[in-house]
Protein backbone atom coordinates (compact mmCIF):
# COMPACT_ATOMS: atom_id res chain seq x y z
CA MET A 1 13.45 10.33 6.83
CA ALA A 2 10.13 11.39 5.32
CA SER A 3 9.03 10.25 1.89
CA ASP A 4 9.04 12.60 -1.10
CA GLN A 5 5.76 13.69 -2.68
CA GLU A 6 7.33 12.94 -6.07
CA TYR A 7 7.85 9.27 -5.10
CA VAL A 8 4.29 8.98 -3.78
CA ASP A 9 2.92 10.44 -7.02
CA PHE A 10 5.00 7.95 -9.02
CA VAL A 11 3.67 4.97 -7.05
CA VAL A 12 0.05 6.12 -7.31
CA ASP A 13 0.45 6.72 -11.07
CA GLN A 14 1.80 3.18 -11.52
CA ILE A 15 -1.42 1.59 -10.22
CA GLU A 16 -4.20 1.07 -12.79
CA ASN A 17 -7.68 -0.47 -12.64
CA ALA A 18 -7.55 -1.11 -8.90
CA GLY A 19 -10.28 1.21 -7.69
CA GLN A 20 -9.87 4.86 -6.81
CA ILE A 21 -6.29 5.17 -5.55
CA THR A 22 -5.74 7.95 -3.03
CA PHE A 23 -3.15 8.76 -0.39
CA ARG A 24 -3.06 10.49 2.95
CA LYS A 25 -0.07 11.99 4.70
CA MET A 26 0.52 10.34 8.06
CA PHE A 27 3.34 11.43 10.38
CA GLY A 28 5.58 12.48 7.49
CA GLU A 29 4.86 9.25 5.59
CA TYR A 30 1.88 8.13 3.49
CA GLY A 31 -1.00 5.68 3.60
CA ILE A 32 -2.20 4.44 0.18
CA TYR A 33 -5.88 3.57 -0.27
CA SER A 34 -8.06 1.87 -2.85
CA ASP A 35 -11.71 2.87 -2.50
CA ALA A 36 -11.11 3.79 1.19
CA LYS A 37 -9.24 0.53 1.99
CA LEU A 38 -5.75 1.12 3.35
CA PHE A 39 -3.57 -1.39 1.49
CA ALA A 40 -0.08 0.09 1.60
CA LEU A 41 2.31 2.48 3.28
CA ILE A 42 5.11 4.50 1.79
CA CYS A 43 7.86 5.07 4.33
CA ASP A 44 11.36 6.36 3.57
CA ASN A 45 10.50 6.22 -0.16
CA LYS A 46 9.80 2.48 0.01
CA LEU A 47 6.49 0.77 -0.77
CA PHE A 48 5.09 -1.64 1.82
CA ILE A 49 1.92 -3.58 0.90
CA LYS A 50 -0.23 -5.32 3.50
CA PRO A 51 0.41 -9.05 3.46
CA THR A 52 -2.33 -11.39 2.22
CA GLU A 53 -2.24 -15.07 1.25
CA ALA A 54 -3.21 -14.27 -2.34
CA GLY A 55 -0.51 -11.58 -2.51
CA ARG A 56 2.08 -14.02 -1.16
CA LYS A 57 1.19 -16.58 -3.86
CA PHE A 58 1.32 -13.90 -6.56
CA ILE A 59 4.71 -12.50 -5.50
CA ARG A 60 6.22 -15.96 -4.80
CA ASP A 61 9.66 -14.75 -3.59
CA VAL A 62 8.39 -12.41 -0.88
CA VAL A 63 10.58 -9.89 0.93
CA GLU A 64 9.01 -8.77 4.19
CA ALA A 65 10.00 -5.89 6.45
CA PRO A 66 8.32 -3.51 8.87
CA ALA A 67 7.46 -0.10 7.38
CA TYR A 68 8.68 1.60 10.57
CA PRO A 69 10.09 0.43 13.91
CA GLY A 70 7.49 -1.56 15.84
CA ALA A 71 5.23 -2.15 12.81
CA LYS A 72 4.09 -5.57 11.61
CA SER A 73 5.96 -6.88 8.60
CA SER A 74 4.58 -6.05 5.17
CA PHE A 75 5.57 -6.98 1.65
CA LEU A 76 8.46 -4.72 0.66
CA ILE A 77 8.20 -3.99 -3.05
CA GLY A 78 11.56 -3.38 -4.67
CA ASP A 79 12.37 -3.18 -8.38
CA LYS A 80 8.96 -4.58 -9.38
CA ILE A 81 7.51 -1.16 -8.59
CA GLU A 82 8.60 -0.20 -12.11
CA ASP A 83 6.35 -2.91 -13.61
CA ARG A 84 2.96 -1.18 -13.83
CA GLU A 85 0.99 -4.31 -14.80
CA TRP A 86 2.55 -6.46 -12.07
CA LEU A 87 2.07 -3.83 -9.37
CA SER A 88 -1.51 -3.11 -10.42
CA GLU A 89 -2.37 -6.82 -10.31
CA LEU A 90 -0.81 -7.16 -6.85
CA VAL A 91 -2.89 -4.23 -5.61
CA ARG A 92 -6.10 -5.70 -7.07
CA ILE A 93 -5.37 -9.09 -5.47
CA THR A 94 -4.50 -7.52 -2.12
CA VAL A 95 -7.49 -5.18 -1.94
CA LYS A 96 -9.88 -7.99 -2.82
CA GLU A 97 -8.67 -10.02 0.17
CA LEU A 98 -8.64 -7.18 2.72
CA PRO A 99 -11.72 -6.62 4.88
CA GLU A 100 -13.95 -3.61 4.33
CA PRO A 101 -13.00 -0.64 6.51
CA LYS A 102 -15.03 -0.21 9.67
CA PRO A 103 -17.46 2.70 9.58
CA ARG A 104 -16.20 5.78 11.39
CA LYS A 105 -18.04 6.78 14.51
CA ILE A 106 -19.54 10.25 14.44
CA ARG A 107 -18.30 12.37 17.34
CA LYS A 108 -20.91 14.20 19.34
CA SER A 109 -20.17 17.82 20.13
């Protein structure tokens, strides 16, 4: 089941002061980025945030699940998605700990 654009817009609107938040459609689902860092996926209208040690400490009672069959487990964000301040802080903490994206190679024609 693909995610709804309305749900993606809601999630993105919830996140404040965590860099430029963008999304990209990927195979019927969505990747969520902060300043070009992929930090989350939205699959089946559920938010999955990449696991980090700082994020784990912040969440405390972590629920982990794969975003899709065969994927590594991520933090599954449930009802706390409604808490704008909490979610925004989690995103800031997560993005800070993630490595910078590798530069894309330019294809030669």
